[in-house]
Amino acid sequence: MNDSIEAVYASLRAARLSLRYYGNGLHIEPRYRVTPELRRLIAQNREALIAYLQTRNPHQRPSASAELQAWQTALDVIERIRAEVRALPF
């Protein structure tokens, strides 16, 4: 990598691309803006871009197990509220 990763990131943002990293990979939108030259730039700097994005946004998308646990907790709360409503004397 010849350029600093900040310069690479700035070039991609100047091309009006949105870059995000989730647990399942690097996401670039909108795809129709990715030219062959930008595609090569991204491919050459993929790992550095991922590392850069992780430092910029430490709040990544939760893993599937964490997401499932959050849904289960929400469902438990809903069931508890339903039980309390059923127990009301009217």
PDB file of N, CA and C in Angstrom:
ATOM      1  N   MET A   1       0.852  -1.176   0.000  1.00  0.00           N
ATOM      2  CA  MET A   1       0.000   0.000   0.000  1.00  0.00           C
ATOM      3  C   MET A   1       0.889   1.227   0.000  1.00  0.00           C
ATOM      4  N   ASN A   2       0.794   2.032  -1.061  1.00  0.00           N
ATOM      5  CA  ASN A   2       1.625   3.218  -1.181  1.00  0.00           C
ATOM      6  C   ASN A   2       1.019   4.406  -0.443  1.00  0.00           C
ATOM      7  N   ASP A   3      -0.273   4.569  -0.527  1.00  0.00           N
ATOM      8  CA  ASP A   3      -0.950   5.694   0.117  1.00  0.00           C
ATOM      9  C   ASP A   3      -1.269   5.354   1.557  1.00  0.00           C
ATOM     10  N   SER A   4      -1.407   6.396   2.362  1.00  0.00           N
ATOM     11  CA  SER A   4      -1.883   6.152   3.720  1.00  0.00           C
ATOM     12  C   SER A   4      -3.346   5.741   3.634  1.00  0.00           C
ATOM     13  N   ILE A   5      -3.790   5.002   4.590  1.00  0.00           N
ATOM     14  CA  ILE A   5      -5.160   4.502   4.548  1.00  0.00           C
ATOM     15  C   ILE A   5      -6.168   5.651   4.653  1.00  0.00           C
ATOM     16  N   GLU A   6      -5.786   6.732   5.332  1.00  0.00           N
ATOM     17  CA  GLU A   6      -6.677   7.896   5.409  1.00  0.00           C
ATOM     18  C   GLU A   6      -6.888   8.495   4.018  1.00  0.00           C
ATOM     19  N   ALA A   7      -5.818   8.524   3.211  1.00  0.00           N
ATOM     20  CA  ALA A   7      -5.935   9.056   1.846  1.00  0.00           C
ATOM     21  C   ALA A   7      -6.797   8.140   0.983  1.00  0.00           C
ATOM     22  N   VAL A   8      -6.633   6.843   1.155  1.00  0.00           N
ATOM     23  CA  VAL A   8      -7.456   5.884   0.410  1.00  0.00           C
ATOM     24  C   VAL A   8      -8.918   6.062   0.798  1.00  0.00           C
ATOM     25  N   TYR A   9      -9.177   6.152   2.088  1.00  0.00           N
ATOM     26  CA  TYR A   9     -10.539   6.338   2.577  1.00  0.00           C
ATOM     27  C   TYR A   9     -11.116   7.650   2.039  1.00  0.00           C
ATOM     28  N   ALA A  10     -10.309   8.722   2.065  1.00  0.00           N
ATOM     29  CA  ALA A  10     -10.761  10.017   1.564  1.00  0.00           C
ATOM     30  C   ALA A  10     -11.081   9.939   0.064  1.00  0.00           C
ATOM     31  N   SER A  11     -10.289   9.198  -0.686  1.00  0.00           N
ATOM     32  CA  SER A  11     -10.552   9.029  -2.122  1.00  0.00           C
ATOM     33  C   SER A  11     -11.886   8.325  -2.354  1.00  0.00           C
ATOM     34  N   LEU A  12     -12.149   7.318  -1.565  1.00  0.00           N
ATOM     35  CA  LEU A  12     -13.406   6.574  -1.705  1.00  0.00           C
ATOM     36  C   LEU A  12     -14.598   7.435  -1.300  1.00  0.00           C
ATOM     37  N   ARG A  13     -14.433   8.222  -0.249  1.00  0.00           N
ATOM     38  CA  ARG A  13     -15.509   9.118   0.174  1.00  0.00           C
ATOM     39  C   ARG A  13     -15.726  10.221  -0.860  1.00  0.00           C
ATOM     40  N   ALA A  14     -14.632  10.698  -1.485  1.00  0.00           N
ATOM     41  CA  ALA A  14     -14.747  11.723  -2.525  1.00  0.00           C
ATOM     42  C   ALA A  14     -15.520  11.180  -3.728  1.00  0.00           C
ATOM     43  N   ALA A  15     -15.442   9.874  -3.941  1.00  0.00           N
ATOM     44  CA  ALA A  15     -16.206   9.236  -5.013  1.00  0.00           C
ATOM     45  C   ALA A  15     -17.651   8.986  -4.569  1.00  0.00           C
ATOM     46  N   ARG A  16     -18.011   9.527  -3.432  1.00  0.00           N
ATOM     47  CA  ARG A  16     -19.352   9.420  -2.845  1.00  0.00           C
ATOM     48  C   ARG A  16     -19.752   7.977  -2.557  1.00  0.00           C
ATOM     49  N   LEU A  17     -18.780   7.238  -1.999  1.00  0.00           N
ATOM     50  CA  LEU A  17     -19.040   5.872  -1.572  1.00  0.00           C
ATOM     51  C   LEU A  17     -19.184   5.844  -0.055  1.00  0.00           C
ATOM     52  N   SER A  18     -20.052   4.993   0.408  1.00  0.00           N
ATOM     53  CA  SER A  18     -20.231   4.761   1.830  1.00  0.00           C
ATOM     54  C   SER A  18     -19.600   3.424   2.166  1.00  0.00           C
ATOM     55  N   LEU A  19     -18.683   3.419   3.113  1.00  0.00           N
ATOM     56  CA  LEU A  19     -17.995   2.181   3.505  1.00  0.00           C
ATOM     57  C   LEU A  19     -18.359   1.842   4.939  1.00  0.00           C
ATOM     58  N   ARG A  20     -18.697   0.589   5.149  1.00  0.00           N
ATOM     59  CA  ARG A  20     -18.995   0.092   6.498  1.00  0.00           C
ATOM     60  C   ARG A  20     -18.422  -1.305   6.630  1.00  0.00           C
ATOM     61  N   TYR A  21     -18.058  -1.645   7.858  1.00  0.00           N
ATOM     62  CA  TYR A  21     -17.607  -3.006   8.109  1.00  0.00           C
ATOM     63  C   TYR A  21     -18.530  -3.619   9.132  1.00  0.00           C
ATOM     64  N   TYR A  22     -19.105  -4.760   8.755  1.00  0.00           N
ATOM     65  CA  TYR A  22     -19.896  -5.560   9.676  1.00  0.00           C
ATOM     66  C   TYR A  22     -19.150  -6.858   9.882  1.00  0.00           C
ATOM     67  N   GLY A  23     -19.603  -7.648  10.825  1.00  0.00           N
ATOM     68  CA  GLY A  23     -18.943  -8.914  11.121  1.00  0.00           C
ATOM     69  C   GLY A  23     -18.805  -9.837   9.926  1.00  0.00           C
ATOM     70  N   ASN A  24     -19.639  -9.641   8.911  1.00  0.00           N
ATOM     71  CA  ASN A  24     -19.567 -10.530   7.745  1.00  0.00           C
ATOM     72  C   ASN A  24     -18.861  -9.898   6.562  1.00  0.00           C
ATOM     73  N   GLY A  25     -18.257  -8.729   6.710  1.00  0.00           N
ATOM     74  CA  GLY A  25     -17.456  -8.189   5.616  1.00  0.00           C
ATOM     75  C   GLY A  25     -17.555  -6.694   5.413  1.00  0.00           C
ATOM     76  N   LEU A  26     -16.862  -6.247   4.393  1.00  0.00           N
ATOM     77  CA  LEU A  26     -16.806  -4.850   4.016  1.00  0.00           C
ATOM     78  C   LEU A  26     -17.967  -4.548   3.071  1.00  0.00           C
ATOM     79  N   HIS A  27     -18.745  -3.524   3.384  1.00  0.00           N
ATOM     80  CA  HIS A  27     -19.899  -3.155   2.568  1.00  0.00           C
ATOM     81  C   HIS A  27     -19.665  -1.778   1.966  1.00  0.00           C
ATOM     82  N   ILE A  28     -19.822  -1.686   0.655  1.00  0.00           N
ATOM     83  CA  ILE A  28     -19.599  -0.446  -0.063  1.00  0.00           C
ATOM     84  C   ILE A  28     -20.861  -0.122  -0.853  1.00  0.00           C
ATOM     85  N   GLU A  29     -21.353   1.091  -0.678  1.00  0.00           N
ATOM     86  CA  GLU A  29     -22.576   1.511  -1.366  1.00  0.00           C
ATOM     87  C   GLU A  29     -22.419   2.926  -1.871  1.00  0.00           C
ATOM     88  N   PRO A  30     -23.069   3.319  -2.925  1.00  0.00           N
ATOM     89  CA  PRO A  30     -23.792   2.460  -3.853  1.00  0.00           C
ATOM     90  C   PRO A  30     -22.811   1.752  -4.783  1.00  0.00           C
ATOM     91  N   ARG A  31     -23.129   0.538  -5.094  1.00  0.00           N
ATOM     92  CA  ARG A  31     -22.239  -0.292  -5.907  1.00  0.00           C
ATOM     93  C   ARG A  31     -22.036   0.247  -7.311  1.00  0.00           C
ATOM     94  N   TYR A  32     -23.031   0.913  -7.849  1.00  0.00           N
ATOM     95  CA  TYR A  32     -22.901   1.378  -9.228  1.00  0.00           C
ATOM     96  C   TYR A  32     -21.830   2.463  -9.370  1.00  0.00           C
ATOM     97  N   ARG A  33     -21.406   3.075  -8.279  1.00  0.00           N
ATOM     98  CA  ARG A  33     -20.361   4.088  -8.331  1.00  0.00           C
ATOM     99  C   ARG A  33     -18.951   3.494  -8.318  1.00  0.00           C
ATOM    100  N   VAL A  34     -18.825   2.210  -8.049  1.00  0.00           N
ATOM    101  CA  VAL A  34     -17.504   1.582  -7.948  1.00  0.00           C
ATOM    102  C   VAL A  34     -16.973   1.310  -9.354  1.00  0.00           C
ATOM    103  N   THR A  35     -15.988   2.101  -9.738  1.00  0.00           N
ATOM    104  CA  THR A  35     -15.345   1.939 -11.045  1.00  0.00           C
ATOM    105  C   THR A  35     -14.290   0.840 -10.954  1.00  0.00           C
ATOM    106  N   PRO A  36     -13.792   0.343 -12.069  1.00  0.00           N
ATOM    107  CA  PRO A  36     -12.708  -0.651 -12.014  1.00  0.00           C
ATOM    108  C   PRO A  36     -11.486  -0.140 -11.246  1.00  0.00           C
ATOM    109  N   GLU A  37     -11.166   1.145 -11.403  1.00  0.00           N
ATOM    110  CA  GLU A  37     -10.029   1.717 -10.668  1.00  0.00           C
ATOM    111  C   GLU A  37     -10.277   1.708  -9.161  1.00  0.00           C
ATOM    112  N   LEU A  38     -11.490   2.095  -8.748  1.00  0.00           N
ATOM    113  CA  LEU A  38     -11.826   2.073  -7.323  1.00  0.00           C
ATOM    114  C   LEU A  38     -11.873   0.641  -6.801  1.00  0.00           C
ATOM    115  N   ARG A  39     -12.340  -0.272  -7.624  1.00  0.00           N
ATOM    116  CA  ARG A  39     -12.374  -1.685  -7.225  1.00  0.00           C
ATOM    117  C   ARG A  39     -10.965  -2.195  -6.919  1.00  0.00           C
ATOM    118  N   ARG A  40      -9.998  -1.821  -7.777  1.00  0.00           N
ATOM    119  CA  ARG A  40      -8.602  -2.216  -7.539  1.00  0.00           C
ATOM    120  C   ARG A  40      -8.068  -1.571  -6.263  1.00  0.00           C
ATOM    121  N   LEU A  41      -8.377  -0.296  -6.062  1.00  0.00           N
ATOM    122  CA  LEU A  41      -7.936   0.410  -4.859  1.00  0.00           C
ATOM    123  C   LEU A  41      -8.480  -0.262  -3.606  1.00  0.00           C
ATOM    124  N   ILE A  42      -9.745  -0.628  -3.647  1.00  0.00           N
ATOM    125  CA  ILE A  42     -10.370  -1.309  -2.500  1.00  0.00           C
ATOM    126  C   ILE A  42      -9.717  -2.667  -2.282  1.00  0.00           C
ATOM    127  N   ALA A  43      -9.527  -3.420  -3.351  1.00  0.00           N
ATOM    128  CA  ALA A  43      -8.934  -4.761  -3.225  1.00  0.00           C
ATOM    129  C   ALA A  43      -7.516  -4.693  -2.667  1.00  0.00           C
ATOM    130  N   GLN A  44      -6.736  -3.724  -3.111  1.00  0.00           N
ATOM    131  CA  GLN A  44      -5.353  -3.591  -2.646  1.00  0.00           C
ATOM    132  C   GLN A  44      -5.274  -3.176  -1.183  1.00  0.00           C
ATOM    133  N   ASN A  45      -6.300  -2.514  -0.698  1.00  0.00           N
ATOM    134  CA  ASN A  45      -6.275  -1.962   0.659  1.00  0.00           C
ATOM    135  C   ASN A  45      -7.368  -2.531   1.557  1.00  0.00           C
ATOM    136  N   ARG A  46      -7.938  -3.652   1.169  1.00  0.00           N
ATOM    137  CA  ARG A  46      -9.086  -4.226   1.878  1.00  0.00           C
ATOM    138  C   ARG A  46      -8.834  -4.409   3.375  1.00  0.00           C
ATOM    139  N   GLU A  47      -7.778  -5.102   3.735  1.00  0.00           N
ATOM    140  CA  GLU A  47      -7.512  -5.377   5.159  1.00  0.00           C
ATOM    141  C   GLU A  47      -7.255  -4.088   5.935  1.00  0.00           C
ATOM    142  N   ALA A  48      -6.518  -3.154   5.333  1.00  0.00           N
ATOM    143  CA  ALA A  48      -6.253  -1.879   5.999  1.00  0.00           C
ATOM    144  C   ALA A  48      -7.537  -1.064   6.140  1.00  0.00           C
ATOM    145  N   LEU A  49      -8.412  -1.112   5.141  1.00  0.00           N
ATOM    146  CA  LEU A  49      -9.692  -0.415   5.232  1.00  0.00           C
ATOM    147  C   LEU A  49     -10.548  -0.985   6.359  1.00  0.00           C
ATOM    148  N   ILE A  50     -10.569  -2.306   6.464  1.00  0.00           N
ATOM    149  CA  ILE A  50     -11.345  -2.948   7.530  1.00  0.00           C
ATOM    150  C   ILE A  50     -10.804  -2.511   8.888  1.00  0.00           C
ATOM    151  N   ALA A  51      -9.493  -2.544   9.056  1.00  0.00           N
ATOM    152  CA  ALA A  51      -8.886  -2.128  10.327  1.00  0.00           C
ATOM    153  C   ALA A  51      -9.201  -0.660  10.620  1.00  0.00           C
ATOM    154  N   TYR A  52      -9.120   0.172   9.602  1.00  0.00           N
ATOM    155  CA  TYR A  52      -9.412   1.600   9.757  1.00  0.00           C
ATOM    156  C   TYR A  52     -10.861   1.813  10.161  1.00  0.00           C
ATOM    157  N   LEU A  53     -11.775   1.127   9.499  1.00  0.00           N
ATOM    158  CA  LEU A  53     -13.195   1.273   9.828  1.00  0.00           C
ATOM    159  C   LEU A  53     -13.501   0.765  11.227  1.00  0.00           C
ATOM    160  N   GLN A  54     -12.822  -0.286  11.654  1.00  0.00           N
ATOM    161  CA  GLN A  54     -13.047  -0.804  12.999  1.00  0.00           C
ATOM    162  C   GLN A  54     -12.594   0.194  14.059  1.00  0.00           C
ATOM    163  N   THR A  55     -11.519   0.927  13.792  1.00  0.00           N
ATOM    164  CA  THR A  55     -11.067   1.923  14.765  1.00  0.00           C
ATOM    165  C   THR A  55     -11.965   3.151  14.751  1.00  0.00           C
ATOM    166  N   ARG A  56     -12.548   3.468  13.603  1.00  0.00           N
ATOM    167  CA  ARG A  56     -13.443   4.621  13.499  1.00  0.00           C
ATOM    168  C   ARG A  56     -14.797   4.334  14.122  1.00  0.00           C
ATOM    169  N   ASN A  57     -15.258   3.078  14.063  1.00  0.00           N
ATOM    170  CA  ASN A  57     -16.563   2.711  14.583  1.00  0.00           C
ATOM    171  C   ASN A  57     -16.455   1.430  15.400  1.00  0.00           C
ATOM    172  N   PRO A  58     -16.120   1.563  16.680  1.00  0.00           N
ATOM    173  CA  PRO A  58     -15.986   0.357  17.498  1.00  0.00           C
ATOM    174  C   PRO A  58     -17.312  -0.339  17.781  1.00  0.00           C
ATOM    175  N   HIS A  59     -18.432   0.334  17.489  1.00  0.00           N
ATOM    176  CA  HIS A  59     -19.750  -0.260  17.728  1.00  0.00           C
ATOM    177  C   HIS A  59     -20.181  -0.995  16.468  1.00  0.00           C
ATOM    178  N   GLN A  60     -19.684  -2.189  16.298  1.00  0.00           N
ATOM    179  CA  GLN A  60     -20.010  -2.976  15.124  1.00  0.00           C
ATOM    180  C   GLN A  60     -21.357  -3.654  15.308  1.00  0.00           C
ATOM    181  N   ARG A  61     -21.841  -4.166  14.236  1.00  0.00           N
ATOM    182  CA  ARG A  61     -23.091  -4.913  14.273  1.00  0.00           C
ATOM    183  C   ARG A  61     -22.901  -6.114  15.207  1.00  0.00           C
ATOM    184  N   PRO A  62     -23.865  -6.388  16.046  1.00  0.00           N
ATOM    185  CA  PRO A  62     -23.713  -7.508  16.976  1.00  0.00           C
ATOM    186  C   PRO A  62     -23.658  -8.843  16.244  1.00  0.00           C
ATOM    187  N   SER A  63     -23.017  -9.793  16.881  1.00  0.00           N
ATOM    188  CA  SER A  63     -22.951 -11.126  16.291  1.00  0.00           C
ATOM    189  C   SER A  63     -24.347 -11.737  16.300  1.00  0.00           C
ATOM    190  N   ALA A  64     -24.510 -12.805  15.560  1.00  0.00           N
ATOM    191  CA  ALA A  64     -25.827 -13.450  15.465  1.00  0.00           C
ATOM    192  C   ALA A  64     -26.290 -13.941  16.831  1.00  0.00           C
ATOM    193  N   SER A  65     -25.389 -14.481  17.639  1.00  0.00           N
ATOM    194  CA  SER A  65     -25.793 -14.986  18.958  1.00  0.00           C
ATOM    195  C   SER A  65     -26.192 -13.832  19.879  1.00  0.00           C
ATOM    196  N   ALA A  66     -25.483 -12.705  19.805  1.00  0.00           N
ATOM    197  CA  ALA A  66     -25.846 -11.553  20.631  1.00  0.00           C
ATOM    198  C   ALA A  66     -27.188 -10.988  20.177  1.00  0.00           C
ATOM    199  N   GLU A  67     -27.407 -10.975  18.875  1.00  0.00           N
ATOM    200  CA  GLU A  67     -28.679 -10.475  18.346  1.00  0.00           C
ATOM    201  C   GLU A  67     -29.825 -11.393  18.765  1.00  0.00           C
ATOM    202  N   LEU A  68     -29.600 -12.683  18.709  1.00  0.00           N
ATOM    203  CA  LEU A  68     -30.615 -13.645  19.130  1.00  0.00           C
ATOM    204  C   LEU A  68     -30.925 -13.490  20.612  1.00  0.00           C
ATOM    205  N   GLN A  69     -29.906 -13.287  21.411  1.00  0.00           N
ATOM    206  CA  GLN A  69     -30.110 -13.101  22.847  1.00  0.00           C
ATOM    207  C   GLN A  69     -30.915 -11.825  23.118  1.00  0.00           C
ATOM    208  N   ALA A  70     -30.641 -10.767  22.369  1.00  0.00           N
ATOM    209  CA  ALA A  70     -31.390  -9.519  22.538  1.00  0.00           C
ATOM    210  C   ALA A  70     -32.866  -9.718  22.185  1.00  0.00           C
ATOM    211  N   TRP A  71     -33.130 -10.450  21.107  1.00  0.00           N
ATOM    212  CA  TRP A  71     -34.520 -10.740  20.726  1.00  0.00           C
ATOM    213  C   TRP A  71     -35.209 -11.574  21.801  1.00  0.00           C
ATOM    214  N   GLN A  72     -34.510 -12.546  22.351  1.00  0.00           N
ATOM    215  CA  GLN A  72     -35.104 -13.397  23.392  1.00  0.00           C
ATOM    216  C   GLN A  72     -35.432 -12.569  24.631  1.00  0.00           C
ATOM    217  N   THR A  73     -34.546 -11.657  24.985  1.00  0.00           N
ATOM    218  CA  THR A  73     -34.800 -10.777  26.129  1.00  0.00           C
ATOM    219  C   THR A  73     -36.037  -9.919  25.876  1.00  0.00           C
ATOM    220  N   ALA A  74     -36.148  -9.378  24.662  1.00  0.00           N
ATOM    221  CA  ALA A  74     -37.309  -8.559  24.317  1.00  0.00           C
ATOM    222  C   ALA A  74     -38.592  -9.382  24.393  1.00  0.00           C
ATOM    223  N   LEU A  75     -38.558 -10.604  23.892  1.00  0.00           N
ATOM    224  CA  LEU A  75     -39.741 -11.472  23.950  1.00  0.00           C
ATOM    225  C   LEU A  75     -40.112 -11.810  25.386  1.00  0.00           C
ATOM    226  N   ASP A  76     -39.125 -12.025  26.237  1.00  0.00           N
ATOM    227  CA  ASP A  76     -39.391 -12.296  27.652  1.00  0.00           C
ATOM    228  C   ASP A  76     -40.095 -11.114  28.312  1.00  0.00           C
ATOM    229  N   VAL A  77     -39.660  -9.907  27.991  1.00  0.00           N
ATOM    230  CA  VAL A  77     -40.290  -8.702  28.543  1.00  0.00           C
ATOM    231  C   VAL A  77     -41.736  -8.606  28.062  1.00  0.00           C
ATOM    232  N   ILE A  78     -41.962  -8.862  26.793  1.00  0.00           N
ATOM    233  CA  ILE A  78     -43.323  -8.812  26.241  1.00  0.00           C
ATOM    234  C   ILE A  78     -44.219  -9.830  26.927  1.00  0.00           C
ATOM    235  N   GLU A  79     -43.729 -11.028  27.119  1.00  0.00           N
ATOM    236  CA  GLU A  79     -44.531 -12.065  27.788  1.00  0.00           C
ATOM    237  C   GLU A  79     -44.837 -11.691  29.229  1.00  0.00           C
ATOM    238  N   ARG A  80     -43.876 -11.084  29.918  1.00  0.00           N
ATOM    239  CA  ARG A  80     -44.100 -10.654  31.300  1.00  0.00           C
ATOM    240  C   ARG A  80     -45.183  -9.576  31.346  1.00  0.00           C
ATOM    241  N   ILE A  81     -45.157  -8.640  30.400  1.00  0.00           N
ATOM    242  CA  ILE A  81     -46.170  -7.580  30.351  1.00  0.00           C
ATOM    243  C   ILE A  81     -47.544  -8.179  30.055  1.00  0.00           C
ATOM    244  N   ARG A  82     -47.587  -9.121  29.120  1.00  0.00           N
ATOM    245  CA  ARG A  82     -48.867  -9.776  28.811  1.00  0.00           C
ATOM    246  C   ARG A  82     -49.438 -10.471  30.039  1.00  0.00           C
ATOM    247  N   ALA A  83     -48.594 -11.154  30.786  1.00  0.00           N
ATOM    248  CA  ALA A  83     -49.057 -11.849  31.995  1.00  0.00           C
ATOM    249  C   ALA A  83     -49.590 -10.850  33.012  1.00  0.00           C
ATOM    250  N   GLU A  84     -48.912  -9.717  33.164  1.00  0.00           N
ATOM    251  CA  GLU A  84     -49.372  -8.709  34.112  1.00  0.00           C
ATOM    252  C   GLU A  84     -50.713  -8.109  33.669  1.00  0.00           C
ATOM    253  N   VAL A  85     -50.889  -7.906  32.378  1.00  0.00           N
ATOM    254  CA  VAL A  85     -52.149  -7.351  31.868  1.00  0.00           C
ATOM    255  C   VAL A  85     -53.288  -8.346  32.092  1.00  0.00           C
ATOM    256  N   ARG A  86     -53.015  -9.623  31.833  1.00  0.00           N
ATOM    257  CA  ARG A  86     -54.044 -10.651  32.071  1.00  0.00           C
ATOM    258  C   ARG A  86     -54.461 -10.735  33.524  1.00  0.00           C
ATOM    259  N   ALA A  87     -53.569 -10.405  34.425  1.00  0.00           N
ATOM    260  CA  ALA A  87     -53.856 -10.496  35.856  1.00  0.00           C
ATOM    261  C   ALA A  87     -54.613  -9.270  36.381  1.00  0.00           C
ATOM    262  N   LEU A  88     -54.783  -8.246  35.546  1.00  0.00           N
ATOM    263  CA  LEU A  88     -55.517  -7.062  35.988  1.00  0.00           C
ATOM    264  C   LEU A  88     -56.989  -7.409  36.265  1.00  0.00           C
ATOM    265  N   PRO A  89     -57.592  -6.773  37.274  1.00  0.00           N
ATOM    266  CA  PRO A  89     -58.939  -7.158  37.685  1.00  0.00           C
ATOM    267  C   PRO A  89     -60.078  -6.546  36.870  1.00  0.00           C
ATOM    268  N   PHE A  90     -59.910  -6.292  35.637  1.00  0.00           N
ATOM    269  CA  PHE A  90     -61.044  -5.769  34.851  1.00  0.00           C
ATOM    270  C   PHE A  90     -61.281  -6.560  33.625  1.00  0.00           C
TER     271      PHE A  90
END
